[in-house]
Amino acid sequence: RVLPPICRHAIAAFLVAAIAIGALAAAMGTRYPVLDELTYISVAVDIYEHGIYGDGNFAPRAAVRNGPIPGQFFAPLYPGLIAGLMAIDSRFADEVQCVFAAYKRDVPPECGKRYTALVVTQTLLAAATCLFLWLAARLVTGSLVVSWLALAVAISAGAYSAYAIRFLTEGLAFTVFSAASLALLVAWRGGGRWGRWAWAGAALGVAALTRPSYAGSPRPG
């Protein structure tokens, strides 16, 4: 069965975004995590090693000495993503644990930088973000030309590639928030159909579990 032209264009947009963002990310190369990245890693390591979603580096010192305790300072989805990738890919888990152990000892890390699991995952998430942007432009303007121009601008800015190689919430937040924004746009244009608003609300809830500030996003229109 032949796909409708709009579906073929959407698939092409995703593939173009994935290839371009992946190529730019590969050109940038990987480096050791720093600053906020290590904080998210600390939460992910607690989940991976102890099965406890805690506050990582922000936990009380006594809790750090005696083992992690449950906490809710950080939104859970992004540390959960890192922990999930650690559970799937033992090599990635070893690299993350190595660099975090060096950080805790306050010594320069002597680890590899094999973060392929994270980079590939975040590259695909970035490509999905670009697809949602493409769909939103198509929905608003009705123009394929504008949709492809929007995609080209998003990719060429380089931000998605830069975040694809970092341990930062933007690697996931861009995707879930763009999905929520697209869902809100579809619901708004669909009038009073409660089902669409329910899906939009659920998508916004997922976005808030990545960045709580997204819970305050206004209704479009």
N, C-alpha and C. Protein backbone atom coordinates (compact mmCIF):
# COMPACT_ATOMS: atom_id res chain seq x y z
N ARG A 1 0.85 -1.19 0.00
CA ARG A 1 0.00 0.00 0.00
C ARG A 1 0.89 1.25 0.00
N VAL A 2 0.60 2.19 -0.88
CA VAL A 2 1.40 3.39 -1.01
C VAL A 2 0.99 4.40 0.06
N LEU A 3 1.99 4.95 0.75
CA LEU A 3 1.71 5.95 1.77
C LEU A 3 1.29 7.27 1.12
N PRO A 4 0.40 8.02 1.79
CA PRO A 4 0.05 9.36 1.28
C PRO A 4 1.29 10.25 1.21
N PRO A 5 1.28 11.21 0.30
CA PRO A 5 2.46 12.09 0.15
C PRO A 5 2.89 12.77 1.45
N ILE A 6 1.92 13.21 2.27
CA ILE A 6 2.28 13.90 3.50
C ILE A 6 3.05 12.98 4.44
N CYS A 7 2.69 11.68 4.47
CA CYS A 7 3.40 10.72 5.31
C CYS A 7 4.81 10.49 4.80
N ARG A 8 4.95 10.43 3.48
CA ARG A 8 6.29 10.26 2.91
C ARG A 8 7.17 11.46 3.23
N HIS A 9 6.59 12.65 3.16
CA HIS A 9 7.35 13.85 3.50
C HIS A 9 7.75 13.84 4.98
N ALA A 10 6.84 13.42 5.85
CA ALA A 10 7.13 13.38 7.29
C ALA A 10 8.24 12.39 7.59
N ILE A 11 8.20 11.21 6.98
CA ILE A 11 9.26 10.22 7.17
C ILE A 11 10.58 10.77 6.68
N ALA A 12 10.54 11.42 5.52
CA ALA A 12 11.76 12.02 4.97
C ALA A 12 12.31 13.09 5.90
N ALA A 13 11.43 13.89 6.49
CA ALA A 13 11.87 14.94 7.41
C ALA A 13 12.58 14.34 8.61
N PHE A 14 12.03 13.26 9.15
CA PHE A 14 12.66 12.61 10.31
C PHE A 14 14.03 12.05 9.93
N LEU A 15 14.11 11.38 8.79
CA LEU A 15 15.38 10.77 8.38
C LEU A 15 16.44 11.83 8.09
N VAL A 16 16.04 12.90 7.40
CA VAL A 16 16.98 13.99 7.12
C VAL A 16 17.49 14.59 8.42
N ALA A 17 16.58 14.83 9.36
CA ALA A 17 16.98 15.40 10.65
C ALA A 17 17.93 14.47 11.40
N ALA A 18 17.60 13.18 11.44
CA ALA A 18 18.44 12.22 12.17
C ALA A 18 19.85 12.16 11.58
N ILE A 19 19.94 12.11 10.25
CA ILE A 19 21.25 12.02 9.60
C ILE A 19 22.05 13.30 9.81
N ALA A 20 21.41 14.45 9.62
CA ALA A 20 22.12 15.72 9.74
C ALA A 20 22.55 15.98 11.18
N ILE A 21 21.65 15.77 12.13
CA ILE A 21 21.99 16.01 13.54
C ILE A 21 23.06 15.02 14.00
N GLY A 22 22.94 13.77 13.55
CA GLY A 22 23.95 12.78 13.91
C GLY A 22 25.32 13.14 13.36
N ALA A 23 25.36 13.62 12.12
CA ALA A 23 26.64 14.00 11.51
C ALA A 23 27.26 15.18 12.25
N LEU A 24 26.45 16.17 12.58
CA LEU A 24 26.97 17.33 13.32
C LEU A 24 27.44 16.93 14.71
N ALA A 25 26.69 16.04 15.36
CA ALA A 25 27.09 15.58 16.70
C ALA A 25 28.41 14.81 16.64
N ALA A 26 28.57 13.98 15.61
CA ALA A 26 29.82 13.23 15.46
C ALA A 26 30.99 14.17 15.23
N ALA A 27 30.75 15.23 14.47
CA ALA A 27 31.82 16.19 14.21
C ALA A 27 32.22 16.94 15.48
N MET A 28 31.26 17.18 16.36
CA MET A 28 31.56 17.87 17.62
C MET A 28 32.36 16.99 18.57
N GLY A 29 32.13 15.69 18.51
CA GLY A 29 32.84 14.77 19.39
C GLY A 29 32.29 14.77 20.80
N THR A 30 32.74 13.83 21.61
CA THR A 30 32.29 13.72 23.00
C THR A 30 33.37 14.26 23.93
N ARG A 31 32.94 14.63 25.14
CA ARG A 31 33.88 15.08 26.16
C ARG A 31 33.30 14.70 27.51
N TYR A 32 34.12 14.82 28.55
CA TYR A 32 33.67 14.42 29.87
C TYR A 32 32.55 15.34 30.37
N PRO A 33 31.57 14.77 31.05
CA PRO A 33 30.49 15.60 31.62
C PRO A 33 31.02 16.58 32.65
N VAL A 34 30.38 17.73 32.75
CA VAL A 34 30.77 18.76 33.72
C VAL A 34 29.52 19.41 34.32
N LEU A 35 29.71 20.09 35.46
CA LEU A 35 28.68 20.93 36.07
C LEU A 35 27.34 20.21 36.20
N ASP A 36 26.27 20.76 35.60
CA ASP A 36 24.93 20.19 35.76
C ASP A 36 24.85 18.76 35.26
N GLU A 37 25.65 18.43 34.28
CA GLU A 37 25.62 17.06 33.76
C GLU A 37 25.94 16.05 34.87
N LEU A 38 26.90 16.38 35.71
CA LEU A 38 27.28 15.47 36.78
C LEU A 38 26.18 15.34 37.83
N THR A 39 25.38 16.39 37.98
CA THR A 39 24.26 16.31 38.91
C THR A 39 23.21 15.33 38.41
N TYR A 40 22.86 15.41 37.13
CA TYR A 40 21.90 14.47 36.58
C TYR A 40 22.45 13.05 36.60
N ILE A 41 23.74 12.93 36.36
CA ILE A 41 24.36 11.61 36.44
C ILE A 41 24.29 11.06 37.85
N SER A 42 24.47 11.93 38.85
CA SER A 42 24.42 11.45 40.23
C SER A 42 23.06 10.87 40.57
N VAL A 43 22.00 11.49 40.07
CA VAL A 43 20.65 10.95 40.31
C VAL A 43 20.47 9.63 39.56
N ALA A 44 20.97 9.59 38.33
CA ALA A 44 20.84 8.37 37.52
C ALA A 44 21.61 7.21 38.14
N VAL A 45 22.79 7.48 38.68
CA VAL A 45 23.59 6.43 39.30
C VAL A 45 22.88 5.86 40.52
N ASP A 46 22.24 6.72 41.31
CA ASP A 46 21.47 6.24 42.46
C ASP A 46 20.34 5.31 42.00
N ILE A 47 19.68 5.68 40.92
CA ILE A 47 18.61 4.83 40.40
C ILE A 47 19.18 3.50 39.92
N TYR A 48 20.28 3.56 39.18
CA TYR A 48 20.88 2.36 38.59
C TYR A 48 21.47 1.44 39.65
N GLU A 49 22.21 1.99 40.60
CA GLU A 49 22.92 1.17 41.57
C GLU A 49 22.06 0.74 42.75
N HIS A 50 21.13 1.62 43.16
CA HIS A 50 20.38 1.35 44.38
C HIS A 50 18.86 1.25 44.17
N GLY A 51 18.42 1.57 42.96
CA GLY A 51 16.97 1.55 42.72
C GLY A 51 16.23 2.64 43.46
N ILE A 52 16.94 3.74 43.77
CA ILE A 52 16.35 4.83 44.55
C ILE A 52 16.41 6.12 43.74
N TYR A 53 15.26 6.74 43.55
CA TYR A 53 15.20 8.05 42.90
C TYR A 53 15.35 9.11 43.98
N GLY A 54 16.53 9.72 44.02
CA GLY A 54 16.83 10.67 45.08
C GLY A 54 17.26 12.02 44.53
N ASP A 55 18.00 12.74 45.35
CA ASP A 55 18.42 14.10 44.99
C ASP A 55 19.86 14.16 44.51
N GLY A 56 20.52 13.03 44.39
CA GLY A 56 21.88 13.00 43.88
C GLY A 56 22.81 13.88 44.68
N ASN A 57 23.54 14.74 44.00
CA ASN A 57 24.50 15.64 44.68
C ASN A 57 23.83 16.62 45.61
N PHE A 58 22.53 16.83 45.45
CA PHE A 58 21.83 17.80 46.27
C PHE A 58 21.28 17.17 47.55
N ALA A 59 21.53 15.89 47.76
CA ALA A 59 21.05 15.24 48.98
C ALA A 59 21.88 15.70 50.18
N PRO A 60 21.32 15.64 51.40
CA PRO A 60 22.10 15.99 52.60
C PRO A 60 23.37 15.16 52.70
N ARG A 61 24.42 15.72 53.25
CA ARG A 61 25.70 15.01 53.29
C ARG A 61 25.60 13.69 54.04
N ALA A 62 24.82 13.66 55.11
CA ALA A 62 24.67 12.42 55.87
C ALA A 62 24.06 11.34 54.99
N ALA A 63 23.12 11.74 54.16
CA ALA A 63 22.49 10.76 53.27
C ALA A 63 23.49 10.23 52.25
N VAL A 64 24.38 11.10 51.78
CA VAL A 64 25.39 10.67 50.82
C VAL A 64 26.33 9.66 51.46
N ARG A 65 26.70 9.91 52.71
CA ARG A 65 27.63 8.99 53.39
C ARG A 65 26.97 7.65 53.68
N ASN A 66 25.71 7.67 54.03
CA ASN A 66 25.03 6.44 54.45
C ASN A 66 24.28 5.76 53.32
N GLY A 67 24.35 6.33 52.11
CA GLY A 67 23.60 5.77 50.99
C GLY A 67 22.47 6.70 50.61
N PRO A 68 21.99 6.59 49.38
CA PRO A 68 20.95 7.52 48.90
C PRO A 68 19.62 7.32 49.60
N ILE A 69 18.88 8.41 49.72
CA ILE A 69 17.53 8.36 50.25
C ILE A 69 16.60 8.96 49.20
N PRO A 70 15.32 8.60 49.23
CA PRO A 70 14.39 9.14 48.23
C PRO A 70 14.31 10.66 48.30
N GLY A 71 14.14 11.27 47.15
CA GLY A 71 14.01 12.72 47.08
C GLY A 71 13.24 13.12 45.84
N GLN A 72 12.86 14.37 45.76
CA GLN A 72 12.06 14.85 44.64
C GLN A 72 12.54 16.21 44.13
N PHE A 73 13.81 16.51 44.33
CA PHE A 73 14.30 17.82 43.92
C PHE A 73 14.32 17.96 42.40
N PHE A 74 14.66 16.88 41.71
CA PHE A 74 14.76 16.92 40.25
C PHE A 74 13.59 16.17 39.61
N ALA A 75 13.18 16.64 38.45
CA ALA A 75 12.18 15.90 37.69
C ALA A 75 12.77 14.55 37.27
N PRO A 76 11.97 13.49 37.28
CA PRO A 76 12.55 12.14 37.19
C PRO A 76 12.86 11.62 35.79
N LEU A 77 12.26 12.15 34.74
CA LEU A 77 12.34 11.47 33.46
C LEU A 77 13.76 11.43 32.88
N TYR A 78 14.49 12.53 32.95
CA TYR A 78 15.81 12.50 32.31
C TYR A 78 16.81 11.62 33.07
N PRO A 79 16.93 11.74 34.40
CA PRO A 79 17.79 10.77 35.10
C PRO A 79 17.33 9.34 34.87
N GLY A 80 16.02 9.15 34.77
CA GLY A 80 15.51 7.81 34.49
C GLY A 80 15.94 7.31 33.12
N LEU A 81 16.00 8.21 32.15
CA LEU A 81 16.48 7.83 30.82
C LEU A 81 17.93 7.37 30.87
N ILE A 82 18.77 8.14 31.57
CA ILE A 82 20.19 7.75 31.69
C ILE A 82 20.31 6.39 32.39
N ALA A 83 19.57 6.23 33.49
CA ALA A 83 19.63 4.97 34.22
C ALA A 83 19.14 3.81 33.36
N GLY A 84 18.10 4.04 32.57
CA GLY A 84 17.60 2.98 31.69
C GLY A 84 18.63 2.57 30.66
N LEU A 85 19.33 3.55 30.09
CA LEU A 85 20.39 3.25 29.12
C LEU A 85 21.55 2.52 29.79
N MET A 86 21.83 2.86 31.04
CA MET A 86 22.88 2.14 31.78
C MET A 86 22.49 0.68 31.98
N ALA A 87 21.20 0.44 32.24
CA ALA A 87 20.74 -0.93 32.44
C ALA A 87 20.80 -1.74 31.15
N ILE A 88 20.62 -1.07 30.02
CA ILE A 88 20.62 -1.76 28.73
C ILE A 88 22.03 -1.99 28.21
N ASP A 89 22.91 -1.00 28.40
CA ASP A 89 24.25 -1.03 27.82
C ASP A 89 25.28 -1.01 28.95
N SER A 90 25.90 -2.14 29.25
CA SER A 90 26.85 -2.24 30.37
C SER A 90 28.10 -1.39 30.12
N ARG A 91 28.52 -1.27 28.86
CA ARG A 91 29.69 -0.44 28.56
C ARG A 91 29.41 1.02 28.88
N PHE A 92 28.23 1.48 28.49
CA PHE A 92 27.84 2.85 28.82
C PHE A 92 27.77 3.03 30.34
N ALA A 93 27.22 2.04 31.04
CA ALA A 93 27.12 2.12 32.50
C ALA A 93 28.52 2.23 33.13
N ASP A 94 29.47 1.45 32.63
CA ASP A 94 30.83 1.50 33.16
C ASP A 94 31.45 2.89 32.98
N GLU A 95 31.23 3.48 31.81
CA GLU A 95 31.80 4.80 31.54
C GLU A 95 31.19 5.86 32.46
N VAL A 96 29.88 5.79 32.64
CA VAL A 96 29.20 6.77 33.49
C VAL A 96 29.66 6.62 34.94
N GLN A 97 29.72 5.39 35.42
CA GLN A 97 30.17 5.16 36.80
C GLN A 97 31.61 5.59 37.00
N CYS A 98 32.45 5.37 35.98
CA CYS A 98 33.86 5.75 36.08
C CYS A 98 34.00 7.27 36.22
N VAL A 99 33.33 8.02 35.36
CA VAL A 99 33.48 9.47 35.40
C VAL A 99 32.86 10.05 36.67
N PHE A 100 31.79 9.42 37.16
CA PHE A 100 31.17 9.92 38.38
C PHE A 100 32.03 9.60 39.60
N ALA A 101 32.69 8.45 39.59
CA ALA A 101 33.60 8.10 40.69
C ALA A 101 34.76 9.09 40.75
N ALA A 102 35.28 9.48 39.57
CA ALA A 102 36.37 10.47 39.54
C ALA A 102 35.89 11.81 40.08
N TYR A 103 34.67 12.17 39.74
CA TYR A 103 34.11 13.44 40.22
C TYR A 103 34.00 13.42 41.75
N LYS A 104 33.53 12.32 42.30
CA LYS A 104 33.38 12.24 43.77
C LYS A 104 34.73 12.31 44.47
N ARG A 105 35.78 11.78 43.83
CA ARG A 105 37.12 11.83 44.43
C ARG A 105 37.82 13.14 44.13
N ASP A 106 37.19 13.97 43.29
CA ASP A 106 37.77 15.26 42.89
C ASP A 106 39.13 15.07 42.21
N VAL A 107 39.16 14.10 41.28
CA VAL A 107 40.37 13.85 40.50
C VAL A 107 39.98 13.86 39.02
N PRO A 108 40.91 14.15 38.13
CA PRO A 108 40.60 14.12 36.70
C PRO A 108 40.17 12.72 36.27
N PRO A 109 39.13 12.61 35.48
CA PRO A 109 38.69 11.27 35.04
C PRO A 109 39.66 10.65 34.06
N GLU A 110 39.89 9.37 34.23
CA GLU A 110 40.71 8.60 33.28
C GLU A 110 39.83 7.47 32.73
N CYS A 111 38.80 7.87 32.05
CA CYS A 111 37.81 6.94 31.53
C CYS A 111 37.72 7.10 30.01
N GLY A 112 37.05 6.15 29.39
CA GLY A 112 36.73 6.32 27.99
C GLY A 112 35.58 7.30 27.83
N LYS A 113 35.24 7.60 26.63
CA LYS A 113 34.11 8.51 26.36
C LYS A 113 33.13 7.83 25.41
N ARG A 114 32.85 6.56 25.72
CA ARG A 114 31.96 5.78 24.86
C ARG A 114 30.52 5.97 25.32
N TYR A 115 29.94 7.08 24.89
CA TYR A 115 28.58 7.41 25.28
C TYR A 115 27.60 7.17 24.12
N THR A 116 27.92 6.16 23.31
CA THR A 116 27.13 5.92 22.09
C THR A 116 25.65 5.75 22.38
N ALA A 117 25.33 5.02 23.44
CA ALA A 117 23.92 4.76 23.75
C ALA A 117 23.17 6.08 23.96
N LEU A 118 23.78 6.99 24.69
CA LEU A 118 23.12 8.27 24.96
C LEU A 118 23.07 9.14 23.71
N VAL A 119 24.18 9.21 22.98
CA VAL A 119 24.23 10.09 21.80
C VAL A 119 23.24 9.62 20.74
N VAL A 120 23.18 8.33 20.49
CA VAL A 120 22.24 7.81 19.48
C VAL A 120 20.80 8.08 19.93
N THR A 121 20.51 7.79 21.19
CA THR A 121 19.16 8.02 21.70
C THR A 121 18.76 9.48 21.59
N GLN A 122 19.66 10.37 22.01
CA GLN A 122 19.32 11.80 21.98
C GLN A 122 19.31 12.35 20.56
N THR A 123 20.07 11.76 19.66
CA THR A 123 19.99 12.16 18.26
C THR A 123 18.62 11.81 17.68
N LEU A 124 18.12 10.63 18.00
CA LEU A 124 16.78 10.24 17.53
C LEU A 124 15.70 11.10 18.18
N LEU A 125 15.89 11.44 19.44
CA LEU A 125 14.94 12.34 20.11
C LEU A 125 14.96 13.72 19.45
N ALA A 126 16.14 14.19 19.11
CA ALA A 126 16.26 15.49 18.44
C ALA A 126 15.60 15.45 17.07
N ALA A 127 15.76 14.32 16.36
CA ALA A 127 15.11 14.17 15.06
C ALA A 127 13.58 14.18 15.22
N ALA A 128 13.09 13.55 16.29
CA ALA A 128 11.66 13.59 16.56
C ALA A 128 11.20 15.02 16.86
N THR A 129 12.02 15.78 17.58
CA THR A 129 11.70 17.18 17.84
C THR A 129 11.56 17.96 16.54
N CYS A 130 12.49 17.74 15.63
CA CYS A 130 12.44 18.42 14.33
C CYS A 130 11.21 17.99 13.53
N LEU A 131 10.84 16.72 13.66
CA LEU A 131 9.63 16.25 12.98
C LEU A 131 8.40 16.97 13.54
N PHE A 132 8.32 17.10 14.86
CA PHE A 132 7.18 17.80 15.45
C PHE A 132 7.15 19.26 14.99
N LEU A 133 8.32 19.87 14.89
CA LEU A 133 8.40 21.24 14.37
C LEU A 133 7.92 21.29 12.93
N TRP A 134 8.35 20.33 12.14
CA TRP A 134 7.93 20.25 10.73
C TRP A 134 6.41 20.12 10.63
N LEU A 135 5.84 19.24 11.46
CA LEU A 135 4.39 19.02 11.45
C LEU A 135 3.64 20.28 11.89
N ALA A 136 4.17 20.96 12.91
CA ALA A 136 3.53 22.19 13.37
C ALA A 136 3.53 23.25 12.28
N ALA A 137 4.66 23.41 11.59
CA ALA A 137 4.74 24.39 10.50
C ALA A 137 3.78 24.02 9.38
N ARG A 138 3.69 22.74 9.09
CA ARG A 138 2.76 22.28 8.04
C ARG A 138 1.31 22.54 8.45
N LEU A 139 1.00 22.32 9.72
CA LEU A 139 -0.36 22.50 10.20
C LEU A 139 -0.76 23.98 10.21
N VAL A 140 0.17 24.84 10.59
CA VAL A 140 -0.13 26.26 10.70
C VAL A 140 -0.18 26.94 9.33
N THR A 141 0.79 26.63 8.48
CA THR A 141 0.89 27.34 7.20
C THR A 141 0.28 26.60 6.02
N GLY A 142 0.19 25.28 6.13
CA GLY A 142 -0.28 24.49 5.00
C GLY A 142 0.73 24.38 3.87
N SER A 143 1.95 24.82 4.12
CA SER A 143 2.96 24.87 3.06
C SER A 143 4.10 23.90 3.35
N LEU A 144 4.38 23.03 2.39
CA LEU A 144 5.52 22.13 2.53
C LEU A 144 6.83 22.90 2.47
N VAL A 145 6.86 23.95 1.68
CA VAL A 145 8.08 24.76 1.56
C VAL A 145 8.45 25.37 2.90
N VAL A 146 7.47 25.95 3.57
CA VAL A 146 7.72 26.56 4.88
C VAL A 146 8.13 25.49 5.89
N SER A 147 7.50 24.33 5.82
CA SER A 147 7.83 23.24 6.74
C SER A 147 9.29 22.82 6.59
N TRP A 148 9.74 22.66 5.35
CA TRP A 148 11.12 22.26 5.12
C TRP A 148 12.10 23.37 5.48
N LEU A 149 11.71 24.61 5.27
CA LEU A 149 12.57 25.72 5.69
C LEU A 149 12.71 25.75 7.21
N ALA A 150 11.61 25.52 7.90
CA ALA A 150 11.66 25.49 9.37
C ALA A 150 12.58 24.36 9.84
N LEU A 151 12.49 23.23 9.19
CA LEU A 151 13.36 22.10 9.54
C LEU A 151 14.83 22.45 9.30
N ALA A 152 15.10 23.07 8.17
CA ALA A 152 16.48 23.43 7.83
C ALA A 152 17.06 24.41 8.84
N VAL A 153 16.27 25.39 9.24
CA VAL A 153 16.74 26.37 10.23
C VAL A 153 17.02 25.69 11.57
N ALA A 154 16.12 24.79 11.98
CA ALA A 154 16.28 24.10 13.26
C ALA A 154 17.56 23.26 13.28
N ILE A 155 17.82 22.56 12.20
CA ILE A 155 19.00 21.70 12.15
C ILE A 155 20.27 22.54 12.07
N SER A 156 20.26 23.56 11.22
CA SER A 156 21.48 24.33 10.98
C SER A 156 21.89 25.16 12.19
N ALA A 157 20.96 25.44 13.09
CA ALA A 157 21.32 26.19 14.30
C ALA A 157 22.34 25.44 15.15
N GLY A 158 22.32 24.11 15.09
CA GLY A 158 23.32 23.30 15.78
C GLY A 158 23.02 22.97 17.22
N ALA A 159 21.96 23.57 17.78
CA ALA A 159 21.66 23.34 19.20
C ALA A 159 21.28 21.88 19.47
N TYR A 160 20.50 21.29 18.58
CA TYR A 160 20.08 19.91 18.80
C TYR A 160 21.27 18.96 18.79
N SER A 161 22.21 19.20 17.90
CA SER A 161 23.41 18.37 17.86
C SER A 161 24.26 18.58 19.11
N ALA A 162 24.36 19.81 19.56
CA ALA A 162 25.16 20.11 20.76
C ALA A 162 24.59 19.41 21.99
N TYR A 163 23.28 19.41 22.12
CA TYR A 163 22.67 18.76 23.28
C TYR A 163 22.62 17.25 23.13
N ALA A 164 22.72 16.74 21.92
CA ALA A 164 22.70 15.29 21.72
C ALA A 164 23.91 14.61 22.36
N ILE A 165 24.99 15.34 22.56
CA ILE A 165 26.21 14.74 23.11
C ILE A 165 26.41 15.10 24.58
N ARG A 166 25.41 15.71 25.20
CA ARG A 166 25.55 16.14 26.58
C ARG A 166 24.54 15.43 27.49
N PHE A 167 24.90 15.33 28.76
CA PHE A 167 24.03 14.74 29.76
C PHE A 167 23.16 15.84 30.37
N LEU A 168 22.32 16.45 29.58
CA LEU A 168 21.47 17.54 30.04
C LEU A 168 20.02 17.28 29.66
N THR A 169 19.11 17.82 30.46
CA THR A 169 17.69 17.54 30.26
C THR A 169 17.18 17.98 28.90
N GLU A 170 17.85 18.96 28.28
CA GLU A 170 17.40 19.41 26.97
C GLU A 170 17.33 18.28 25.96
N GLY A 171 18.19 17.26 26.14
CA GLY A 171 18.17 16.12 25.23
C GLY A 171 16.84 15.43 25.17
N LEU A 172 16.08 15.49 26.25
CA LEU A 172 14.73 14.92 26.29
C LEU A 172 13.65 16.00 26.33
N ALA A 173 13.95 17.10 27.01
CA ALA A 173 12.94 18.15 27.22
C ALA A 173 12.47 18.76 25.91
N PHE A 174 13.39 19.00 24.97
CA PHE A 174 12.99 19.56 23.68
C PHE A 174 11.92 18.68 23.01
N THR A 175 12.13 17.37 23.09
CA THR A 175 11.22 16.45 22.41
C THR A 175 9.85 16.42 23.05
N VAL A 176 9.82 16.24 24.37
CA VAL A 176 8.51 16.11 25.02
C VAL A 176 7.74 17.43 24.99
N PHE A 177 8.48 18.56 25.09
CA PHE A 177 7.77 19.84 25.06
C PHE A 177 7.28 20.16 23.65
N SER A 178 8.05 19.82 22.63
CA SER A 178 7.57 20.05 21.26
C SER A 178 6.39 19.14 20.95
N ALA A 179 6.41 17.92 21.49
CA ALA A 179 5.26 17.03 21.30
C ALA A 179 4.03 17.60 21.99
N ALA A 180 4.22 18.13 23.21
CA ALA A 180 3.09 18.73 23.93
C ALA A 180 2.58 19.97 23.20
N SER A 181 3.48 20.77 22.68
CA SER A 181 3.08 21.97 21.95
C SER A 181 2.29 21.61 20.69
N LEU A 182 2.75 20.58 19.99
CA LEU A 182 2.03 20.13 18.80
C LEU A 182 0.65 19.60 19.18
N ALA A 183 0.57 18.85 20.28
CA ALA A 183 -0.71 18.33 20.74
C ALA A 183 -1.66 19.45 21.12
N LEU A 184 -1.15 20.50 21.76
CA LEU A 184 -1.97 21.66 22.10
C LEU A 184 -2.46 22.37 20.84
N LEU A 185 -1.59 22.47 19.86
CA LEU A 185 -1.97 23.11 18.60
C LEU A 185 -3.07 22.32 17.89
N VAL A 186 -2.92 21.01 17.86
CA VAL A 186 -3.94 20.15 17.24
C VAL A 186 -5.27 20.26 17.99
N ALA A 187 -5.19 20.27 19.33
CA ALA A 187 -6.42 20.39 20.13
C ALA A 187 -7.09 21.74 19.92
N TRP A 188 -6.31 22.80 19.87
CA TRP A 188 -6.86 24.14 19.67
C TRP A 188 -7.55 24.25 18.31
N ARG A 189 -6.90 23.73 17.28
CA ARG A 189 -7.50 23.80 15.95
C ARG A 189 -8.67 22.84 15.78
N GLY A 190 -8.75 21.86 16.68
CA GLY A 190 -9.85 20.90 16.59
C GLY A 190 -11.10 21.32 17.31
N GLY A 191 -11.12 22.52 17.85
CA GLY A 191 -12.31 23.03 18.52
C GLY A 191 -12.48 22.40 19.90
N GLY A 192 -13.70 22.02 20.22
CA GLY A 192 -14.00 21.55 21.57
C GLY A 192 -13.93 20.06 21.77
N ARG A 193 -13.21 19.34 20.95
CA ARG A 193 -13.10 17.90 21.10
C ARG A 193 -12.25 17.57 22.33
N TRP A 194 -12.94 17.06 23.35
CA TRP A 194 -12.26 16.87 24.63
C TRP A 194 -11.15 15.84 24.54
N GLY A 195 -11.29 14.86 23.66
CA GLY A 195 -10.27 13.83 23.54
C GLY A 195 -8.92 14.40 23.16
N ARG A 196 -8.93 15.38 22.25
CA ARG A 196 -7.67 15.99 21.83
C ARG A 196 -7.05 16.80 22.96
N TRP A 197 -7.90 17.47 23.73
CA TRP A 197 -7.39 18.22 24.87
C TRP A 197 -6.84 17.28 25.94
N ALA A 198 -7.46 16.11 26.08
CA ALA A 198 -6.96 15.13 27.05
C ALA A 198 -5.56 14.65 26.66
N TRP A 199 -5.38 14.37 25.37
CA TRP A 199 -4.06 13.96 24.90
C TRP A 199 -3.05 15.09 25.09
N ALA A 200 -3.47 16.32 24.82
CA ALA A 200 -2.57 17.46 24.99
C ALA A 200 -2.19 17.63 26.46
N GLY A 201 -3.16 17.46 27.35
CA GLY A 201 -2.87 17.57 28.77
C GLY A 201 -1.92 16.48 29.24
N ALA A 202 -2.12 15.27 28.74
CA ALA A 202 -1.21 14.18 29.10
C ALA A 202 0.21 14.46 28.61
N ALA A 203 0.31 14.98 27.39
CA ALA A 203 1.63 15.31 26.84
C ALA A 203 2.31 16.40 27.66
N LEU A 204 1.54 17.38 28.09
CA LEU A 204 2.10 18.46 28.91
C LEU A 204 2.53 17.92 30.27
N GLY A 205 1.78 16.95 30.79
CA GLY A 205 2.17 16.32 32.05
C GLY A 205 3.50 15.60 31.95
N VAL A 206 3.71 14.91 30.83
CA VAL A 206 5.00 14.25 30.60
C VAL A 206 6.11 15.29 30.51
N ALA A 207 5.83 16.41 29.82
CA ALA A 207 6.83 17.47 29.71
C ALA A 207 7.19 18.02 31.10
N ALA A 208 6.19 18.14 31.97
CA ALA A 208 6.44 18.66 33.32
C ALA A 208 7.30 17.69 34.14
N LEU A 209 7.25 16.40 33.81
CA LEU A 209 8.09 15.42 34.51
C LEU A 209 9.54 15.47 34.02
N THR A 210 9.77 16.24 32.97
CA THR A 210 11.13 16.47 32.49
C THR A 210 11.64 17.82 32.97
N ARG A 211 10.80 18.83 32.85
CA ARG A 211 11.08 20.17 33.36
C ARG A 211 9.81 20.70 34.01
N PRO A 212 9.74 20.79 35.34
CA PRO A 212 8.49 21.21 36.00
C PRO A 212 7.97 22.55 35.54
N SER A 213 8.84 23.42 35.04
CA SER A 213 8.39 24.74 34.58
C SER A 213 7.39 24.64 33.43
N TYR A 214 7.40 23.52 32.72
CA TYR A 214 6.47 23.37 31.61
C TYR A 214 5.02 23.23 32.10
N ALA A 215 4.83 22.98 33.37
CA ALA A 215 3.47 22.87 33.89
C ALA A 215 2.74 24.22 33.80
N GLY A 216 3.50 25.29 33.69
CA GLY A 216 2.89 26.62 33.60
C GLY A 216 2.69 27.10 32.19
N SER A 217 2.81 26.23 31.19
CA SER A 217 2.64 26.64 29.80
C SER A 217 1.22 27.10 29.55
N PRO A 218 1.04 28.22 28.89
CA PRO A 218 -0.31 28.76 28.66
C PRO A 218 -1.05 28.00 27.56
N ARG A 219 -2.36 28.10 27.58
CA ARG A 219 -3.19 27.56 26.52
C ARG A 219 -3.01 28.43 25.27
N PRO A 220 -2.83 27.81 24.09
CA PRO A 220 -2.65 28.62 22.88
C PRO A 220 -3.92 29.35 22.53
N GLY A 221 -3.74 30.46 21.80
CA GLY A 221 -4.93 31.14 21.29
C GLY A 221 -5.24 32.41 22.03
